[in-house]
Amino acid sequence: MSVDKIAKVCHEANKALCEAFGDNSQPDWKDAPEWQTQSARSGVLFHMTNKEADDSASHNNWAKDKIDDGWVYGEVKDAVLKTHPCLVPFEELPPMQQAKDRIFGSIVRAMIG
């Protein structure tokens, strides 16, 4: 299965979870900006090469990618200012945000067999 196909499924699952919690800000995969689709691809590649990675490792990989791209902690997610409220240690994330990491990794593992 291609990285792009898995990344799309992960993105759409994340979008659905966000919407279930009242966050309707996530675009469909086809409308997502490049930085967002690239983030999903990066997460898929991380899980493909680190099959035993736990949820916190997944989050740490995502956070490292964001920081390397110039993002910083901010109370509001803002792609222009590159701020994100999830740039904190995994243990400090709200349960719903931790669930996103759990689901992402589960989808990748299921799709790569």
PDB file of N, CA and C in Angstrom:
ATOM      1  N   MET A   1       0.862  -1.180   0.000  1.00  0.00           N
ATOM      2  CA  MET A   1       0.000   0.000   0.000  1.00  0.00           C
ATOM      3  C   MET A   1       0.907   1.241   0.000  1.00  0.00           C
ATOM      4  N   SER A   2       0.534   2.247  -0.774  1.00  0.00           N
ATOM      5  CA  SER A   2       1.370   3.441  -0.897  1.00  0.00           C
ATOM      6  C   SER A   2       1.244   4.348   0.326  1.00  0.00           C
ATOM      7  N   VAL A   3       2.303   5.095   0.573  1.00  0.00           N
ATOM      8  CA  VAL A   3       2.325   6.059   1.674  1.00  0.00           C
ATOM      9  C   VAL A   3       1.184   7.056   1.505  1.00  0.00           C
ATOM     10  N   ASP A   4       0.956   7.509   0.282  1.00  0.00           N
ATOM     11  CA  ASP A   4      -0.101   8.493   0.031  1.00  0.00           C
ATOM     12  C   ASP A   4      -1.485   7.957   0.397  1.00  0.00           C
ATOM     13  N   LYS A   5      -1.756   6.706   0.026  1.00  0.00           N
ATOM     14  CA  LYS A   5      -3.065   6.126   0.344  1.00  0.00           C
ATOM     15  C   LYS A   5      -3.266   6.002   1.849  1.00  0.00           C
ATOM     16  N   ILE A   6      -2.232   5.560   2.551  1.00  0.00           N
ATOM     17  CA  ILE A   6      -2.330   5.415   4.004  1.00  0.00           C
ATOM     18  C   ILE A   6      -2.463   6.788   4.652  1.00  0.00           C
ATOM     19  N   ALA A   7      -1.691   7.759   4.171  1.00  0.00           N
ATOM     20  CA  ALA A   7      -1.748   9.119   4.729  1.00  0.00           C
ATOM     21  C   ALA A   7      -3.140   9.718   4.554  1.00  0.00           C
ATOM     22  N   LYS A   8      -3.756   9.459   3.410  1.00  0.00           N
ATOM     23  CA  LYS A   8      -5.108   9.969   3.170  1.00  0.00           C
ATOM     24  C   LYS A   8      -6.095   9.379   4.169  1.00  0.00           C
ATOM     25  N   VAL A   9      -6.023   8.073   4.406  1.00  0.00           N
ATOM     26  CA  VAL A   9      -6.923   7.433   5.365  1.00  0.00           C
ATOM     27  C   VAL A   9      -6.697   8.013   6.760  1.00  0.00           C
ATOM     28  N   CYS A  10      -5.430   8.166   7.142  1.00  0.00           N
ATOM     29  CA  CYS A  10      -5.114   8.745   8.460  1.00  0.00           C
ATOM     30  C   CYS A  10      -5.654  10.166   8.573  1.00  0.00           C
ATOM     31  N   HIS A  11      -5.471  10.951   7.538  1.00  0.00           N
ATOM     32  CA  HIS A  11      -5.953  12.335   7.548  1.00  0.00           C
ATOM     33  C   HIS A  11      -7.472  12.383   7.689  1.00  0.00           C
ATOM     34  N   GLU A  12      -8.155  11.574   6.907  1.00  0.00           N
ATOM     35  CA  GLU A  12      -9.618  11.592   6.946  1.00  0.00           C
ATOM     36  C   GLU A  12     -10.147  11.080   8.288  1.00  0.00           C
ATOM     37  N   ALA A  13      -9.463  10.095   8.879  1.00  0.00           N
ATOM     38  CA  ALA A  13      -9.867   9.627  10.210  1.00  0.00           C
ATOM     39  C   ALA A  13      -9.652  10.726  11.249  1.00  0.00           C
ATOM     40  N   ASN A  14      -8.552  11.429  11.149  1.00  0.00           N
ATOM     41  CA  ASN A  14      -8.271  12.543  12.051  1.00  0.00           C
ATOM     42  C   ASN A  14      -9.322  13.639  11.894  1.00  0.00           C
ATOM     43  N   LYS A  15      -9.677  13.922  10.664  1.00  0.00           N
ATOM     44  CA  LYS A  15     -10.712  14.924  10.387  1.00  0.00           C
ATOM     45  C   LYS A  15     -12.038  14.515  11.029  1.00  0.00           C
ATOM     46  N   ALA A  16     -12.402  13.248  10.881  1.00  0.00           N
ATOM     47  CA  ALA A  16     -13.659  12.752  11.451  1.00  0.00           C
ATOM     48  C   ALA A  16     -13.637  12.830  12.975  1.00  0.00           C
ATOM     49  N   LEU A  17     -12.505  12.480  13.582  1.00  0.00           N
ATOM     50  CA  LEU A  17     -12.400  12.565  15.040  1.00  0.00           C
ATOM     51  C   LEU A  17     -12.521  14.015  15.504  1.00  0.00           C
ATOM     52  N   CYS A  18     -11.851  14.915  14.805  1.00  0.00           N
ATOM     53  CA  CYS A  18     -11.948  16.341  15.152  1.00  0.00           C
ATOM     54  C   CYS A  18     -13.397  16.809  15.073  1.00  0.00           C
ATOM     55  N   GLU A  19     -14.073  16.434  14.010  1.00  0.00           N
ATOM     56  CA  GLU A  19     -15.466  16.848  13.835  1.00  0.00           C
ATOM     57  C   GLU A  19     -16.358  16.273  14.934  1.00  0.00           C
ATOM     58  N   ALA A  20     -16.068  15.055  15.382  1.00  0.00           N
ATOM     59  CA  ALA A  20     -16.849  14.445  16.460  1.00  0.00           C
ATOM     60  C   ALA A  20     -16.732  15.260  17.745  1.00  0.00           C
ATOM     61  N   PHE A  21     -15.631  15.979  17.887  1.00  0.00           N
ATOM     62  CA  PHE A  21     -15.411  16.807  19.075  1.00  0.00           C
ATOM     63  C   PHE A  21     -15.667  18.287  18.803  1.00  0.00           C
ATOM     64  N   GLY A  22     -16.327  18.588  17.678  1.00  0.00           N
ATOM     65  CA  GLY A  22     -16.735  19.961  17.396  1.00  0.00           C
ATOM     66  C   GLY A  22     -15.736  20.818  16.652  1.00  0.00           C
ATOM     67  N   ASP A  23     -14.613  20.232  16.226  1.00  0.00           N
ATOM     68  CA  ASP A  23     -13.604  20.979  15.464  1.00  0.00           C
ATOM     69  C   ASP A  23     -13.824  20.696  13.983  1.00  0.00           C
ATOM     70  N   ASN A  24     -14.414  21.656  13.280  1.00  0.00           N
ATOM     71  CA  ASN A  24     -14.697  21.490  11.847  1.00  0.00           C
ATOM     72  C   ASN A  24     -13.678  22.206  10.966  1.00  0.00           C
ATOM     73  N   SER A  25     -12.481  22.414  11.494  1.00  0.00           N
ATOM     74  CA  SER A  25     -11.473  23.193  10.768  1.00  0.00           C
ATOM     75  C   SER A  25     -10.628  22.358   9.809  1.00  0.00           C
ATOM     76  N   GLN A  26     -10.744  21.044   9.880  1.00  0.00           N
ATOM     77  CA  GLN A  26      -9.892  20.199   9.040  1.00  0.00           C
ATOM     78  C   GLN A  26     -10.491  20.050   7.636  1.00  0.00           C
ATOM     79  N   PRO A  27      -9.710  20.362   6.594  1.00  0.00           N
ATOM     80  CA  PRO A  27     -10.217  20.178   5.228  1.00  0.00           C
ATOM     81  C   PRO A  27     -10.144  18.718   4.804  1.00  0.00           C
ATOM     82  N   ASP A  28     -10.895  18.375   3.773  1.00  0.00           N
ATOM     83  CA  ASP A  28     -10.754  17.063   3.153  1.00  0.00           C
ATOM     84  C   ASP A  28      -9.330  16.931   2.620  1.00  0.00           C
ATOM     85  N   TRP A  29      -8.865  15.704   2.457  1.00  0.00           N
ATOM     86  CA  TRP A  29      -7.513  15.446   1.956  1.00  0.00           C
ATOM     87  C   TRP A  29      -7.245  16.199   0.656  1.00  0.00           C
ATOM     88  N   LYS A  30      -8.208  16.161  -0.261  1.00  0.00           N
ATOM     89  CA  LYS A  30      -8.005  16.793  -1.575  1.00  0.00           C
ATOM     90  C   LYS A  30      -7.870  18.309  -1.478  1.00  0.00           C
ATOM     91  N   ASP A  31      -8.352  18.898  -0.399  1.00  0.00           N
ATOM     92  CA  ASP A  31      -8.288  20.348  -0.218  1.00  0.00           C
ATOM     93  C   ASP A  31      -7.235  20.780   0.796  1.00  0.00           C
ATOM     94  N   ALA A  32      -6.563  19.829   1.404  1.00  0.00           N
ATOM     95  CA  ALA A  32      -5.596  20.149   2.455  1.00  0.00           C
ATOM     96  C   ALA A  32      -4.347  20.797   1.868  1.00  0.00           C
ATOM     97  N   PRO A  33      -3.777  21.754   2.593  1.00  0.00           N
ATOM     98  CA  PRO A  33      -2.538  22.382   2.127  1.00  0.00           C
ATOM     99  C   PRO A  33      -1.375  21.386   2.163  1.00  0.00           C
ATOM    100  N   GLU A  34      -0.366  21.651   1.395  1.00  0.00           N
ATOM    101  CA  GLU A  34       0.787  20.758   1.277  1.00  0.00           C
ATOM    102  C   GLU A  34       1.438  20.470   2.632  1.00  0.00           C
ATOM    103  N   TRP A  35       1.556  21.490   3.499  1.00  0.00           N
ATOM    104  CA  TRP A  35       2.202  21.241   4.795  1.00  0.00           C
ATOM    105  C   TRP A  35       1.428  20.198   5.602  1.00  0.00           C
ATOM    106  N   GLN A  36       0.112  20.151   5.430  1.00  0.00           N
ATOM    107  CA  GLN A  36      -0.711  19.223   6.186  1.00  0.00           C
ATOM    108  C   GLN A  36      -0.632  17.807   5.613  1.00  0.00           C
ATOM    109  N   THR A  37      -0.684  17.682   4.298  1.00  0.00           N
ATOM    110  CA  THR A  37      -0.577  16.355   3.704  1.00  0.00           C
ATOM    111  C   THR A  37       0.832  15.792   3.901  1.00  0.00           C
ATOM    112  N   GLN A  38       1.833  16.661   3.851  1.00  0.00           N
ATOM    113  CA  GLN A  38       3.208  16.212   4.078  1.00  0.00           C
ATOM    114  C   GLN A  38       3.389  15.725   5.509  1.00  0.00           C
ATOM    115  N   SER A  39       2.735  16.374   6.448  1.00  0.00           N
ATOM    116  CA  SER A  39       2.804  15.941   7.841  1.00  0.00           C
ATOM    117  C   SER A  39       2.231  14.532   7.987  1.00  0.00           C
ATOM    118  N   ALA A  40       1.118  14.257   7.317  1.00  0.00           N
ATOM    119  CA  ALA A  40       0.521  12.923   7.369  1.00  0.00           C
ATOM    120  C   ALA A  40       1.451  11.893   6.731  1.00  0.00           C
ATOM    121  N   ARG A  41       2.050  12.234   5.601  1.00  0.00           N
ATOM    122  CA  ARG A  41       2.986  11.315   4.945  1.00  0.00           C
ATOM    123  C   ARG A  41       4.173  11.009   5.862  1.00  0.00           C
ATOM    124  N   SER A  42       4.685  12.047   6.499  1.00  0.00           N
ATOM    125  CA  SER A  42       5.813  11.872   7.408  1.00  0.00           C
ATOM    126  C   SER A  42       5.456  10.934   8.556  1.00  0.00           C
ATOM    127  N   GLY A  43       4.255  11.093   9.095  1.00  0.00           N
ATOM    128  CA  GLY A  43       3.802  10.214  10.167  1.00  0.00           C
ATOM    129  C   GLY A  43       3.688   8.772   9.709  1.00  0.00           C
ATOM    130  N   VAL A  44       3.200   8.572   8.504  1.00  0.00           N
ATOM    131  CA  VAL A  44       3.092   7.217   7.947  1.00  0.00           C
ATOM    132  C   VAL A  44       4.479   6.606   7.795  1.00  0.00           C
ATOM    133  N   LEU A  45       5.405   7.347   7.220  1.00  0.00           N
ATOM    134  CA  LEU A  45       6.766   6.836   7.047  1.00  0.00           C
ATOM    135  C   LEU A  45       7.407   6.503   8.391  1.00  0.00           C
ATOM    136  N   PHE A  46       7.157   7.340   9.399  1.00  0.00           N
ATOM    137  CA  PHE A  46       7.687   7.075  10.736  1.00  0.00           C
ATOM    138  C   PHE A  46       7.183   5.726  11.238  1.00  0.00           C
ATOM    139  N   HIS A  47       5.885   5.485  11.119  1.00  0.00           N
ATOM    140  CA  HIS A  47       5.325   4.231  11.613  1.00  0.00           C
ATOM    141  C   HIS A  47       5.742   3.035  10.762  1.00  0.00           C
ATOM    142  N   MET A  48       5.966   3.250   9.482  1.00  0.00           N
ATOM    143  CA  MET A  48       6.409   2.148   8.626  1.00  0.00           C
ATOM    144  C   MET A  48       7.817   1.696   8.992  1.00  0.00           C
ATOM    145  N   THR A  49       8.644   2.629   9.439  1.00  0.00           N
ATOM    146  CA  THR A  49      10.030   2.289   9.787  1.00  0.00           C
ATOM    147  C   THR A  49      10.227   2.064  11.279  1.00  0.00           C
ATOM    148  N   ASN A  50       9.218   2.369  12.076  1.00  0.00           N
ATOM    149  CA  ASN A  50       9.266   2.185  13.531  1.00  0.00           C
ATOM    150  C   ASN A  50       7.985   1.481  13.972  1.00  0.00           C
ATOM    151  N   LYS A  51       7.849   0.241  13.548  1.00  0.00           N
ATOM    152  CA  LYS A  51       6.587  -0.482  13.720  1.00  0.00           C
ATOM    153  C   LYS A  51       6.185  -0.678  15.175  1.00  0.00           C
ATOM    154  N   GLU A  52       7.116  -0.607  16.088  1.00  0.00           N
ATOM    155  CA  GLU A  52       6.809  -0.791  17.513  1.00  0.00           C
ATOM    156  C   GLU A  52       6.669   0.537  18.247  1.00  0.00           C
ATOM    157  N   ALA A  53       6.677   1.642  17.519  1.00  0.00           N
ATOM    158  CA  ALA A  53       6.591   2.967  18.155  1.00  0.00           C
ATOM    159  C   ALA A  53       5.278   3.116  18.908  1.00  0.00           C
ATOM    160  N   ASP A  54       5.373   3.664  20.107  1.00  0.00           N
ATOM    161  CA  ASP A  54       4.149   3.887  20.879  1.00  0.00           C
ATOM    162  C   ASP A  54       3.569   5.264  20.556  1.00  0.00           C
ATOM    163  N   ASP A  55       2.463   5.577  21.199  1.00  0.00           N
ATOM    164  CA  ASP A  55       1.744   6.819  20.902  1.00  0.00           C
ATOM    165  C   ASP A  55       2.596   8.057  21.173  1.00  0.00           C
ATOM    166  N   SER A  56       3.368   8.029  22.249  1.00  0.00           N
ATOM    167  CA  SER A  56       4.187   9.205  22.564  1.00  0.00           C
ATOM    168  C   SER A  56       5.305   9.376  21.541  1.00  0.00           C
ATOM    169  N   ALA A  57       5.862   8.275  21.043  1.00  0.00           N
ATOM    170  CA  ALA A  57       6.897   8.377  20.009  1.00  0.00           C
ATOM    171  C   ALA A  57       6.327   8.969  18.731  1.00  0.00           C
ATOM    172  N   SER A  58       5.106   8.591  18.399  1.00  0.00           N
ATOM    173  CA  SER A  58       4.435   9.152  17.238  1.00  0.00           C
ATOM    174  C   SER A  58       4.263  10.665  17.407  1.00  0.00           C
ATOM    175  N   HIS A  59       3.802  11.065  18.577  1.00  0.00           N
ATOM    176  CA  HIS A  59       3.623  12.495  18.854  1.00  0.00           C
ATOM    177  C   HIS A  59       4.968  13.222  18.812  1.00  0.00           C
ATOM    178  N   ASN A  60       5.987  12.636  19.418  1.00  0.00           N
ATOM    179  CA  ASN A  60       7.306  13.277  19.434  1.00  0.00           C
ATOM    180  C   ASN A  60       7.850  13.453  18.022  1.00  0.00           C
ATOM    181  N   ASN A  61       7.618  12.478  17.148  1.00  0.00           N
ATOM    182  CA  ASN A  61       8.053  12.595  15.756  1.00  0.00           C
ATOM    183  C   ASN A  61       7.319  13.745  15.072  1.00  0.00           C
ATOM    184  N   TRP A  62       5.991  13.809  15.286  1.00  0.00           N
ATOM    185  CA  TRP A  62       5.193  14.893  14.709  1.00  0.00           C
ATOM    186  C   TRP A  62       5.691  16.251  15.219  1.00  0.00           C
ATOM    187  N   ALA A  63       5.919  16.350  16.525  1.00  0.00           N
ATOM    188  CA  ALA A  63       6.362  17.621  17.115  1.00  0.00           C
ATOM    189  C   ALA A  63       7.734  18.029  16.584  1.00  0.00           C
ATOM    190  N   LYS A  64       8.640  17.063  16.448  1.00  0.00           N
ATOM    191  CA  LYS A  64       9.970  17.372  15.914  1.00  0.00           C
ATOM    192  C   LYS A  64       9.866  17.924  14.493  1.00  0.00           C
ATOM    193  N   ASP A  65       9.041  17.275  13.669  1.00  0.00           N
ATOM    194  CA  ASP A  65       8.843  17.764  12.302  1.00  0.00           C
ATOM    195  C   ASP A  65       8.310  19.195  12.306  1.00  0.00           C
ATOM    196  N   LYS A  66       7.336  19.458  13.170  1.00  0.00           N
ATOM    197  CA  LYS A  66       6.762  20.808  13.241  1.00  0.00           C
ATOM    198  C   LYS A  66       7.822  21.822  13.660  1.00  0.00           C
ATOM    199  N   ILE A  67       8.548  21.519  14.730  1.00  0.00           N
ATOM    200  CA  ILE A  67       9.574  22.437  15.236  1.00  0.00           C
ATOM    201  C   ILE A  67      10.651  22.665  14.186  1.00  0.00           C
ATOM    202  N   ASP A  68      11.078  21.584  13.509  1.00  0.00           N
ATOM    203  CA  ASP A  68      12.081  21.712  12.441  1.00  0.00           C
ATOM    204  C   ASP A  68      11.585  22.606  11.310  1.00  0.00           C
ATOM    205  N   ASP A  69      10.269  22.689  11.133  1.00  0.00           N
ATOM    206  CA  ASP A  69       9.671  23.519  10.091  1.00  0.00           C
ATOM    207  C   ASP A  69       9.343  24.928  10.589  1.00  0.00           C
ATOM    208  N   GLY A  70       9.751  25.245  11.836  1.00  0.00           N
ATOM    209  CA  GLY A  70       9.567  26.597  12.340  1.00  0.00           C
ATOM    210  C   GLY A  70       8.330  26.825  13.187  1.00  0.00           C
ATOM    211  N   TRP A  71       7.569  25.780  13.476  1.00  0.00           N
ATOM    212  CA  TRP A  71       6.377  25.915  14.306  1.00  0.00           C
ATOM    213  C   TRP A  71       6.784  26.043  15.773  1.00  0.00           C
ATOM    214  N   VAL A  72       5.958  26.735  16.538  1.00  0.00           N
ATOM    215  CA  VAL A  72       6.164  26.903  17.974  1.00  0.00           C
ATOM    216  C   VAL A  72       4.837  26.686  18.702  1.00  0.00           C
ATOM    217  N   TYR A  73       4.939  26.515  20.012  1.00  0.00           N
ATOM    218  CA  TYR A  73       3.725  26.383  20.796  1.00  0.00           C
ATOM    219  C   TYR A  73       2.925  27.679  20.729  1.00  0.00           C
ATOM    220  N   GLY A  74       1.630  27.540  20.618  1.00  0.00           N
ATOM    221  CA  GLY A  74       0.707  28.667  20.678  1.00  0.00           C
ATOM    222  C   GLY A  74      -0.647  28.147  21.086  1.00  0.00           C
ATOM    223  N   GLU A  75      -1.415  28.955  21.761  1.00  0.00           N
ATOM    224  CA  GLU A  75      -2.721  28.508  22.258  1.00  0.00           C
ATOM    225  C   GLU A  75      -3.704  28.206  21.141  1.00  0.00           C
ATOM    226  N   VAL A  76      -3.448  28.769  19.949  1.00  0.00           N
ATOM    227  CA  VAL A  76      -4.329  28.578  18.798  1.00  0.00           C
ATOM    228  C   VAL A  76      -3.495  28.049  17.632  1.00  0.00           C
ATOM    229  N   LYS A  77      -4.041  27.056  16.929  1.00  0.00           N
ATOM    230  CA  LYS A  77      -3.380  26.562  15.717  1.00  0.00           C
ATOM    231  C   LYS A  77      -3.521  27.613  14.636  1.00  0.00           C
ATOM    232  N   ASP A  78      -2.387  28.020  14.087  1.00  0.00           N
ATOM    233  CA  ASP A  78      -2.373  29.056  13.059  1.00  0.00           C
ATOM    234  C   ASP A  78      -1.267  28.720  12.072  1.00  0.00           C
ATOM    235  N   ALA A  79      -1.642  28.329  10.858  1.00  0.00           N
ATOM    236  CA  ALA A  79      -0.661  27.921   9.855  1.00  0.00           C
ATOM    237  C   ALA A  79       0.192  29.081   9.368  1.00  0.00           C
ATOM    238  N   VAL A  80      -0.337  30.295   9.421  1.00  0.00           N
ATOM    239  CA  VAL A  80       0.434  31.462   8.982  1.00  0.00           C
ATOM    240  C   VAL A  80       1.500  31.811  10.019  1.00  0.00           C
ATOM    241  N   LEU A  81       1.094  31.855  11.284  1.00  0.00           N
ATOM    242  CA  LEU A  81       2.038  32.162  12.366  1.00  0.00           C
ATOM    243  C   LEU A  81       2.844  30.945  12.791  1.00  0.00           C
ATOM    244  N   LYS A  82       2.441  29.770  12.303  1.00  0.00           N
ATOM    245  CA  LYS A  82       3.067  28.497  12.654  1.00  0.00           C
ATOM    246  C   LYS A  82       3.047  28.266  14.165  1.00  0.00           C
ATOM    247  N   THR A  83       1.854  28.392  14.737  1.00  0.00           N
ATOM    248  CA  THR A  83       1.661  28.084  16.151  1.00  0.00           C
ATOM    249  C   THR A  83       0.712  26.897  16.276  1.00  0.00           C
ATOM    250  N   HIS A  84       0.939  26.094  17.314  1.00  0.00           N
ATOM    251  CA  HIS A  84       0.096  24.911  17.505  1.00  0.00           C
ATOM    252  C   HIS A  84       0.012  24.582  18.996  1.00  0.00           C
ATOM    253  N   PRO A  85      -1.212  24.379  19.505  1.00  0.00           N
ATOM    254  CA  PRO A  85      -1.364  24.073  20.928  1.00  0.00           C
ATOM    255  C   PRO A  85      -0.915  22.662  21.322  1.00  0.00           C
ATOM    256  N   CYS A  86      -0.653  21.801  20.359  1.00  0.00           N
ATOM    257  CA  CYS A  86      -0.241  20.431  20.677  1.00  0.00           C
ATOM    258  C   CYS A  86       1.280  20.266  20.737  1.00  0.00           C
ATOM    259  N   LEU A  87       2.012  21.356  20.634  1.00  0.00           N
ATOM    260  CA  LEU A  87       3.464  21.275  20.757  1.00  0.00           C
ATOM    261  C   LEU A  87       3.857  21.285  22.231  1.00  0.00           C
ATOM    262  N   VAL A  88       3.414  20.255  22.908  1.00  0.00           N
ATOM    263  CA  VAL A  88       3.706  20.009  24.322  1.00  0.00           C
ATOM    264  C   VAL A  88       4.028  18.524  24.446  1.00  0.00           C
ATOM    265  N   PRO A  89       4.616  18.101  25.567  1.00  0.00           N
ATOM    266  CA  PRO A  89       4.851  16.666  25.748  1.00  0.00           C
ATOM    267  C   PRO A  89       3.546  15.871  25.653  1.00  0.00           C
ATOM    268  N   PHE A  90       3.642  14.656  25.151  1.00  0.00           N
ATOM    269  CA  PHE A  90       2.474  13.805  24.939  1.00  0.00           C
ATOM    270  C   PHE A  90       1.598  13.718  26.190  1.00  0.00           C
ATOM    271  N   GLU A  91       2.226  13.587  27.338  1.00  0.00           N
ATOM    272  CA  GLU A  91       1.494  13.421  28.592  1.00  0.00           C
ATOM    273  C   GLU A  91       0.646  14.647  28.940  1.00  0.00           C
ATOM    274  N   GLU A  92       0.983  15.796  28.374  1.00  0.00           N
ATOM    275  CA  GLU A  92       0.242  17.032  28.645  1.00  0.00           C
ATOM    276  C   GLU A  92      -0.899  17.265  27.654  1.00  0.00           C
ATOM    277  N   LEU A  93      -1.004  16.423  26.643  1.00  0.00           N
ATOM    278  CA  LEU A  93      -2.083  16.565  25.666  1.00  0.00           C
ATOM    279  C   LEU A  93      -3.417  16.159  26.279  1.00  0.00           C
ATOM    280  N   PRO A  94      -4.494  16.826  25.876  1.00  0.00           N
ATOM    281  CA  PRO A  94      -5.818  16.360  26.300  1.00  0.00           C
ATOM    282  C   PRO A  94      -6.068  14.956  25.739  1.00  0.00           C
ATOM    283  N   PRO A  95      -6.939  14.183  26.397  1.00  0.00           N
ATOM    284  CA  PRO A  95      -7.207  12.812  25.942  1.00  0.00           C
ATOM    285  C   PRO A  95      -7.583  12.711  24.460  1.00  0.00           C
ATOM    286  N   MET A  96      -8.371  13.638  23.946  1.00  0.00           N
ATOM    287  CA  MET A  96      -8.758  13.583  22.539  1.00  0.00           C
ATOM    288  C   MET A  96      -7.539  13.721  21.626  1.00  0.00           C
ATOM    289  N   GLN A  97      -6.598  14.560  22.001  1.00  0.00           N
ATOM    290  CA  GLN A  97      -5.392  14.717  21.184  1.00  0.00           C
ATOM    291  C   GLN A  97      -4.512  13.473  21.269  1.00  0.00           C
ATOM    292  N   GLN A  98      -4.447  12.856  22.438  1.00  0.00           N
ATOM    293  CA  GLN A  98      -3.705  11.603  22.564  1.00  0.00           C
ATOM    294  C   GLN A  98      -4.360  10.517  21.708  1.00  0.00           C
ATOM    295  N   ALA A  99      -5.669  10.521  21.658  1.00  0.00           N
ATOM    296  CA  ALA A  99      -6.400   9.533  20.850  1.00  0.00           C
ATOM    297  C   ALA A  99      -6.030   9.660  19.375  1.00  0.00           C
ATOM    298  N   LYS A 100      -5.795  10.868  18.905  1.00  0.00           N
ATOM    299  CA  LYS A 100      -5.430  11.066  17.504  1.00  0.00           C
ATOM    300  C   LYS A 100      -4.127  10.329  17.181  1.00  0.00           C
ATOM    301  N   ASP A 101      -3.162  10.389  18.098  1.00  0.00           N
ATOM    302  CA  ASP A 101      -1.903   9.667  17.883  1.00  0.00           C
ATOM    303  C   ASP A 101      -2.136   8.158  17.900  1.00  0.00           C
ATOM    304  N   ARG A 102      -2.965   7.702  18.818  1.00  0.00           N
ATOM    305  CA  ARG A 102      -3.274   6.282  18.938  1.00  0.00           C
ATOM    306  C   ARG A 102      -3.932   5.765  17.653  1.00  0.00           C
ATOM    307  N   ILE A 103      -4.898   6.506  17.162  1.00  0.00           N
ATOM    308  CA  ILE A 103      -5.632   6.106  15.962  1.00  0.00           C
ATOM    309  C   ILE A 103      -4.737   6.141  14.734  1.00  0.00           C
ATOM    310  N   PHE A 104      -3.929   7.173  14.612  1.00  0.00           N
ATOM    311  CA  PHE A 104      -3.017   7.296  13.473  1.00  0.00           C
ATOM    312  C   PHE A 104      -2.129   6.058  13.380  1.00  0.00           C
ATOM    313  N   GLY A 105      -1.464   5.717  14.482  1.00  0.00           N
ATOM    314  CA  GLY A 105      -0.576   4.553  14.476  1.00  0.00           C
ATOM    315  C   GLY A 105      -1.320   3.259  14.195  1.00  0.00           C
ATOM    316  N   SER A 106      -2.512   3.125  14.747  1.00  0.00           N
ATOM    317  CA  SER A 106      -3.316   1.917  14.525  1.00  0.00           C
ATOM    318  C   SER A 106      -3.687   1.759  13.061  1.00  0.00           C
ATOM    319  N   ILE A 107      -4.032   2.852  12.422  1.00  0.00           N
ATOM    320  CA  ILE A 107      -4.387   2.796  10.995  1.00  0.00           C
ATOM    321  C   ILE A 107      -3.181   2.369  10.165  1.00  0.00           C
ATOM    322  N   VAL A 108      -2.033   2.974  10.425  1.00  0.00           N
ATOM    323  CA  VAL A 108      -0.839   2.609   9.649  1.00  0.00           C
ATOM    324  C   VAL A 108      -0.524   1.132   9.839  1.00  0.00           C
ATOM    325  N   ARG A 109      -0.497   0.664  11.080  1.00  0.00           N
ATOM    326  CA  ARG A 109      -0.185  -0.745  11.333  1.00  0.00           C
ATOM    327  C   ARG A 109      -1.181  -1.669  10.640  1.00  0.00           C
ATOM    328  N   ALA A 110      -2.463  -1.319  10.664  1.00  0.00           N
ATOM    329  CA  ALA A 110      -3.475  -2.150  10.026  1.00  0.00           C
ATOM    330  C   ALA A 110      -3.293  -2.184   8.500  1.00  0.00           C
ATOM    331  N   MET A 111      -2.916  -1.045   7.933  1.00  0.00           N
ATOM    332  CA  MET A 111      -2.828  -0.980   6.466  1.00  0.00           C
ATOM    333  C   MET A 111      -1.536  -1.574   5.906  1.00  0.00           C
ATOM    334  N   ILE A 112      -0.485  -1.630   6.732  1.00  0.00           N
ATOM    335  CA  ILE A 112       0.769  -2.226   6.222  1.00  0.00           C
ATOM    336  C   ILE A 112       0.866  -3.698   6.557  1.00  0.00           C
ATOM    337  N   GLY A 113      -0.067  -4.146   7.412  1.00  0.00           N
ATOM    338  CA  GLY A 113      -0.120  -5.576   7.748  1.00  0.00           C
ATOM    339  C   GLY A 113       0.917  -5.944   8.687  1.00  0.00           C
TER     340      GLY A 113
END
